[in-house]
Amino acid sequence: MKRAETIKDQKLFNNIIKNGKYIKNSYFVLYSSKKEDPEINFGIAISNKVGKAHLRNKLKRQVRSIIDKNRNLFKNNHNYIIMIRRSCSEVKYAILEQALIDLLNQ
């Protein structure tokens, strides 16, 4: 995931969460909203309650890797926020990857 594809603006981040559509499973909550640009933008959110910093960073790296591998599943001209739930800390990478792919296919 390139640096230009990340959502850093807090107002935009909160606006997507407040006004966007969402779907969820036991590991992730995926918010999405349409935009006019043809690019795809991503934001990743994880709570401090999930664990210590090294665990949160590991989970974010894994989610970025899943996004890079499965870029074709994301629709163009959309913003996405992926919220990582606490249950992600106890499962393996392959399960996380399949859960996010299943969420995108819904």
C-alpha atoms as a PDB file:
ATOM      1  CA  MET A   1       0.000   0.000   0.000  1.00  0.00           C
ATOM      2  CA  LYS A   2       1.500   3.301  -1.083  1.00  0.00           C
ATOM      3  CA  ARG A   3       1.746   6.273   1.212  1.00  0.00           C
ATOM      4  CA  ALA A   4      -0.494   8.356  -1.079  1.00  0.00           C
ATOM      5  CA  GLU A   5      -3.296   5.790  -0.729  1.00  0.00           C
ATOM      6  CA  THR A   6      -3.655   6.178   3.025  1.00  0.00           C
ATOM      7  CA  ILE A   7      -6.265   8.354   4.695  1.00  0.00           C
ATOM      8  CA  LYS A   8      -4.585  10.540   7.288  1.00  0.00           C
ATOM      9  CA  ASP A   9      -7.090  13.395   7.606  1.00  0.00           C
ATOM     10  CA  GLN A  10      -9.098  12.953  10.795  1.00  0.00           C
ATOM     11  CA  LYS A  11     -12.170  14.774   9.458  1.00  0.00           C
ATOM     12  CA  LEU A  12     -12.330  12.558   6.373  1.00  0.00           C
ATOM     13  CA  PHE A  13     -11.690   9.462   8.498  1.00  0.00           C
ATOM     14  CA  ASN A  14     -14.554  10.311  10.870  1.00  0.00           C
ATOM     15  CA  ASN A  15     -16.833  11.317   7.974  1.00  0.00           C
ATOM     16  CA  ILE A  16     -16.391   7.917   6.315  1.00  0.00           C
ATOM     17  CA  ILE A  17     -17.178   6.144   9.580  1.00  0.00           C
ATOM     18  CA  LYS A  18     -20.193   8.344  10.284  1.00  0.00           C
ATOM     19  CA  ASN A  19     -21.763   8.435   6.805  1.00  0.00           C
ATOM     20  CA  GLY A  20     -20.366   5.392   4.997  1.00  0.00           C
ATOM     21  CA  LYS A  21     -21.823   1.947   4.603  1.00  0.00           C
ATOM     22  CA  TYR A  22     -20.332  -0.808   6.709  1.00  0.00           C
ATOM     23  CA  ILE A  23     -20.163  -4.577   6.904  1.00  0.00           C
ATOM     24  CA  LYS A  24     -18.585  -6.590   9.665  1.00  0.00           C
ATOM     25  CA  ASN A  25     -17.527 -10.016  10.817  1.00  0.00           C
ATOM     26  CA  SER A  26     -15.848 -11.276  13.953  1.00  0.00           C
ATOM     27  CA  TYR A  27     -12.414  -9.901  12.955  1.00  0.00           C
ATOM     28  CA  PHE A  28     -13.008  -6.677  10.994  1.00  0.00           C
ATOM     29  CA  VAL A  29     -15.433  -3.836  10.399  1.00  0.00           C
ATOM     30  CA  LEU A  30     -15.164  -2.435   6.858  1.00  0.00           C
ATOM     31  CA  TYR A  31     -16.524   1.058   6.181  1.00  0.00           C
ATOM     32  CA  SER A  32     -16.754   2.336   2.613  1.00  0.00           C
ATOM     33  CA  SER A  33     -17.897   5.493   0.905  1.00  0.00           C
ATOM     34  CA  LYS A  34     -17.892   6.689  -2.682  1.00  0.00           C
ATOM     35  CA  LYS A  35     -15.789   9.572  -3.931  1.00  0.00           C
ATOM     36  CA  GLU A  36     -15.177  11.320  -7.227  1.00  0.00           C
ATOM     37  CA  ASP A  37     -11.502  10.471  -7.732  1.00  0.00           C
ATOM     38  CA  PRO A  38     -10.752   7.214  -9.578  1.00  0.00           C
ATOM     39  CA  GLU A  39      -8.266   6.117  -6.899  1.00  0.00           C
ATOM     40  CA  ILE A  40      -8.764   3.851  -3.910  1.00  0.00           C
ATOM     41  CA  ASN A  41      -7.850   5.144  -0.452  1.00  0.00           C
ATOM     42  CA  PHE A  42      -7.474   3.119   2.731  1.00  0.00           C
ATOM     43  CA  GLY A  43      -7.439   3.793   6.429  1.00  0.00           C
ATOM     44  CA  ILE A  44      -6.648   1.272   9.135  1.00  0.00           C
ATOM     45  CA  ALA A  45      -7.897   1.714  12.688  1.00  0.00           C
ATOM     46  CA  ILE A  46      -7.045  -0.363  15.732  1.00  0.00           C
ATOM     47  CA  SER A  47      -7.820   0.293  19.377  1.00  0.00           C
ATOM     48  CA  ASN A  48      -5.268   0.443  22.173  1.00  0.00           C
ATOM     49  CA  LYS A  49      -7.308  -2.258  23.900  1.00  0.00           C
ATOM     50  CA  VAL A  50      -6.158  -4.836  21.340  1.00  0.00           C
ATOM     51  CA  GLY A  51      -2.693  -5.102  22.843  1.00  0.00           C
ATOM     52  CA  LYS A  52       0.697  -3.501  23.122  1.00  0.00           C
ATOM     53  CA  ALA A  53       2.210  -1.427  20.325  1.00  0.00           C
ATOM     54  CA  HIS A  54       4.203  -4.251  18.743  1.00  0.00           C
ATOM     55  CA  LEU A  55       1.053  -6.382  18.398  1.00  0.00           C
ATOM     56  CA  ARG A  56      -0.995  -3.507  16.935  1.00  0.00           C
ATOM     57  CA  ASN A  57       1.780  -2.723  14.443  1.00  0.00           C
ATOM     58  CA  LYS A  58       2.022  -6.388  13.450  1.00  0.00           C
ATOM     59  CA  LEU A  59      -1.710  -6.553  12.773  1.00  0.00           C
ATOM     60  CA  LYS A  60      -1.592  -3.355  10.714  1.00  0.00           C
ATOM     61  CA  ARG A  61       1.306  -4.734   8.645  1.00  0.00           C
ATOM     62  CA  GLN A  62      -0.640  -7.929   8.038  1.00  0.00           C
ATOM     63  CA  VAL A  63      -3.739  -6.011   6.925  1.00  0.00           C
ATOM     64  CA  ARG A  64      -1.639  -3.854   4.565  1.00  0.00           C
ATOM     65  CA  SER A  65      -0.186  -7.027   3.078  1.00  0.00           C
ATOM     66  CA  ILE A  66      -3.659  -8.487   2.571  1.00  0.00           C
ATOM     67  CA  ILE A  67      -4.742  -5.253   0.862  1.00  0.00           C
ATOM     68  CA  ASP A  68      -1.759  -5.358  -1.494  1.00  0.00           C
ATOM     69  CA  LYS A  69      -2.349  -8.991  -2.437  1.00  0.00           C
ATOM     70  CA  ASN A  70      -6.077  -8.543  -3.081  1.00  0.00           C
ATOM     71  CA  ARG A  71      -6.247  -5.064  -4.578  1.00  0.00           C
ATOM     72  CA  ASN A  72      -8.524  -6.276  -7.393  1.00  0.00           C
ATOM     73  CA  LEU A  73     -11.352  -6.972  -4.899  1.00  0.00           C
ATOM     74  CA  PHE A  74     -11.628  -3.289  -3.922  1.00  0.00           C
ATOM     75  CA  LYS A  75     -13.830  -1.033  -6.041  1.00  0.00           C
ATOM     76  CA  ASN A  76     -12.305   2.014  -7.707  1.00  0.00           C
ATOM     77  CA  ASN A  77     -13.308   5.532  -6.573  1.00  0.00           C
ATOM     78  CA  HIS A  78     -14.016   4.404  -2.992  1.00  0.00           C
ATOM     79  CA  ASN A  79     -12.580   5.190   0.414  1.00  0.00           C
ATOM     80  CA  TYR A  80     -12.194   2.282   2.818  1.00  0.00           C
ATOM     81  CA  ILE A  81     -11.660   2.213   6.571  1.00  0.00           C
ATOM     82  CA  ILE A  82     -10.734  -1.159   8.040  1.00  0.00           C
ATOM     83  CA  MET A  83     -11.212  -1.436  11.786  1.00  0.00           C
ATOM     84  CA  ILE A  84      -9.350  -4.321  13.355  1.00  0.00           C
ATOM     85  CA  ARG A  85     -11.130  -6.027  16.243  1.00  0.00           C
ATOM     86  CA  ARG A  86      -9.604  -7.519  19.364  1.00  0.00           C
ATOM     87  CA  SER A  87     -10.225 -11.102  18.209  1.00  0.00           C
ATOM     88  CA  CYS A  88      -7.607 -10.669  15.436  1.00  0.00           C
ATOM     89  CA  SER A  89      -4.782 -10.899  17.941  1.00  0.00           C
ATOM     90  CA  GLU A  90      -5.437 -14.595  18.587  1.00  0.00           C
ATOM     91  CA  VAL A  91      -5.603 -15.996  15.047  1.00  0.00           C
ATOM     92  CA  LYS A  92      -3.149 -16.737  12.256  1.00  0.00           C
ATOM     93  CA  TYR A  93      -2.508 -14.675   9.142  1.00  0.00           C
ATOM     94  CA  ALA A  94      -4.289 -17.108   6.790  1.00  0.00           C
ATOM     95  CA  ILE A  95      -7.509 -16.851   8.807  1.00  0.00           C
ATOM     96  CA  LEU A  96      -7.307 -13.043   8.808  1.00  0.00           C
ATOM     97  CA  GLU A  97      -6.740 -13.005   5.057  1.00  0.00           C
ATOM     98  CA  GLN A  98      -9.728 -15.261   4.385  1.00  0.00           C
ATOM     99  CA  ALA A  99     -11.952 -13.238   6.735  1.00  0.00           C
ATOM    100  CA  LEU A 100     -11.124  -9.955   4.975  1.00  0.00           C
ATOM    101  CA  ILE A 101     -11.603 -11.504   1.522  1.00  0.00           C
ATOM    102  CA  ASP A 102     -14.985 -12.893   2.582  1.00  0.00           C
ATOM    103  CA  LEU A 103     -15.945  -9.467   3.873  1.00  0.00           C
ATOM    104  CA  LEU A 104     -15.020  -7.830   0.560  1.00  0.00           C
ATOM    105  CA  ASN A 105     -16.999 -10.367  -1.452  1.00  0.00           C
ATOM    106  CA  GLN A 106     -20.231  -9.581   0.409  1.00  0.00           C
END
